[in-house]
Amino acid sequence: MKRCVKDDAISVPATQRCWRALEALPKQTNATWYPWGKTFIIVSKQFQVRRELGRSLTVRYNGVDLARC
């Protein structure tokens, strides 16, 4: 697995808030993040894509002609 964030530093001005660092993370590294309760999880972008592709999706089209789906 590729190095993610462990030794990387992101560039954010000291006067900025934490959410600016979270926005900069995927732009400046091979990592991304997602919320988990009152915290957040940092993972590699590759891991996140695999995680999302592994989820099921259910879609309902109420009152829509089947030819339009």
C-alpha atoms as a PDB file:
ATOM      1  CA  MET A   1       0.000   0.000   0.000  1.00  0.00           C
ATOM      2  CA  LYS A   2       1.243   3.478  -0.818  1.00  0.00           C
ATOM      3  CA  ARG A   3       2.172   5.933   1.878  1.00  0.00           C
ATOM      4  CA  CYS A   4      -0.864   8.004   2.698  1.00  0.00           C
ATOM      5  CA  VAL A   5      -0.468  10.829   5.195  1.00  0.00           C
ATOM      6  CA  LYS A   6       1.750   9.474   7.940  1.00  0.00           C
ATOM      7  CA  ASP A   7       4.817  11.529   7.055  1.00  0.00           C
ATOM      8  CA  ASP A   8       3.204  14.095   4.768  1.00  0.00           C
ATOM      9  CA  ALA A   9       2.606  17.688   5.737  1.00  0.00           C
ATOM     10  CA  ILE A  10      -0.110  19.825   4.231  1.00  0.00           C
ATOM     11  CA  SER A  11       0.267  23.524   3.691  1.00  0.00           C
ATOM     12  CA  VAL A  12      -2.396  25.574   5.469  1.00  0.00           C
ATOM     13  CA  PRO A  13      -1.887  29.075   6.897  1.00  0.00           C
ATOM     14  CA  ALA A  14      -1.702  29.056  10.701  1.00  0.00           C
ATOM     15  CA  THR A  15      -4.623  31.471  10.924  1.00  0.00           C
ATOM     16  CA  GLN A  16      -7.011  29.050   9.175  1.00  0.00           C
ATOM     17  CA  ARG A  17      -9.425  26.656  10.827  1.00  0.00           C
ATOM     18  CA  CYS A  18      -9.267  22.861  10.935  1.00  0.00           C
ATOM     19  CA  TRP A  19     -11.754  22.459   8.082  1.00  0.00           C
ATOM     20  CA  ARG A  20      -9.281  24.248   5.777  1.00  0.00           C
ATOM     21  CA  ALA A  21      -6.768  21.507   6.539  1.00  0.00           C
ATOM     22  CA  LEU A  22      -9.402  18.881   5.760  1.00  0.00           C
ATOM     23  CA  GLU A  23     -10.120  20.603   2.435  1.00  0.00           C
ATOM     24  CA  ALA A  24      -6.397  20.726   1.630  1.00  0.00           C
ATOM     25  CA  LEU A  25      -5.785  17.068   2.506  1.00  0.00           C
ATOM     26  CA  PRO A  26      -7.134  15.473  -0.720  1.00  0.00           C
ATOM     27  CA  LYS A  27      -5.657  18.261  -2.855  1.00  0.00           C
ATOM     28  CA  GLN A  28      -2.124  17.940  -1.480  1.00  0.00           C
ATOM     29  CA  THR A  29      -1.844  14.243  -0.569  1.00  0.00           C
ATOM     30  CA  ASN A  30      -3.011  10.777  -1.600  1.00  0.00           C
ATOM     31  CA  ALA A  31      -5.518  10.825   1.267  1.00  0.00           C
ATOM     32  CA  THR A  32      -9.082  11.857   1.877  1.00  0.00           C
ATOM     33  CA  TRP A  33     -11.389  11.907   4.879  1.00  0.00           C
ATOM     34  CA  TYR A  34     -14.948  11.215   5.943  1.00  0.00           C
ATOM     35  CA  PRO A  35     -16.944  11.964   9.096  1.00  0.00           C
ATOM     36  CA  TRP A  36     -17.417   9.236  11.715  1.00  0.00           C
ATOM     37  CA  GLY A  37     -19.665  10.323  14.557  1.00  0.00           C
ATOM     38  CA  LYS A  38     -18.040  13.331  16.212  1.00  0.00           C
ATOM     39  CA  THR A  39     -14.640  12.598  14.631  1.00  0.00           C
ATOM     40  CA  PHE A  40     -13.270  12.047  11.157  1.00  0.00           C
ATOM     41  CA  ILE A  41     -11.338   9.220   9.525  1.00  0.00           C
ATOM     42  CA  ILE A  42      -8.382   9.763   7.185  1.00  0.00           C
ATOM     43  CA  VAL A  43      -7.806   7.063   4.563  1.00  0.00           C
ATOM     44  CA  SER A  44      -6.104   6.721   1.196  1.00  0.00           C
ATOM     45  CA  LYS A  45      -8.160   7.798  -1.808  1.00  0.00           C
ATOM     46  CA  GLN A  46      -7.845   4.281  -3.227  1.00  0.00           C
ATOM     47  CA  PHE A  47      -9.265   2.762  -0.039  1.00  0.00           C
ATOM     48  CA  GLN A  48     -12.183   5.214  -0.053  1.00  0.00           C
ATOM     49  CA  VAL A  49     -13.078   4.425  -3.671  1.00  0.00           C
ATOM     50  CA  ARG A  50     -13.046   0.681  -2.922  1.00  0.00           C
ATOM     51  CA  ARG A  51     -15.119   1.291   0.215  1.00  0.00           C
ATOM     52  CA  GLU A  52     -17.739   3.248  -1.727  1.00  0.00           C
ATOM     53  CA  LEU A  53     -17.867   0.734  -4.600  1.00  0.00           C
ATOM     54  CA  GLY A  54     -18.512  -2.041  -2.085  1.00  0.00           C
ATOM     55  CA  ARG A  55     -21.717  -0.413  -0.845  1.00  0.00           C
ATOM     56  CA  SER A  56     -25.178  -1.360  -2.097  1.00  0.00           C
ATOM     57  CA  LEU A  57     -27.440   1.237  -3.658  1.00  0.00           C
ATOM     58  CA  THR A  58     -31.227   1.154  -3.776  1.00  0.00           C
ATOM     59  CA  VAL A  59     -33.074   3.619  -5.981  1.00  0.00           C
ATOM     60  CA  ARG A  60     -36.829   4.206  -6.225  1.00  0.00           C
ATOM     61  CA  TYR A  61     -38.533   5.910  -9.123  1.00  0.00           C
ATOM     62  CA  ASN A  62     -42.080   6.548  -7.927  1.00  0.00           C
ATOM     63  CA  GLY A  63     -44.463   7.758 -10.599  1.00  0.00           C
ATOM     64  CA  VAL A  64     -41.846   7.685 -13.369  1.00  0.00           C
ATOM     65  CA  ASP A  65     -42.392   5.948 -16.700  1.00  0.00           C
ATOM     66  CA  LEU A  66     -40.082   2.888 -16.902  1.00  0.00           C
ATOM     67  CA  ALA A  67     -38.957   3.989 -20.358  1.00  0.00           C
ATOM     68  CA  ARG A  68     -37.292   7.017 -18.703  1.00  0.00           C
ATOM     69  CA  CYS A  69     -35.199   4.963 -16.243  1.00  0.00           C
END
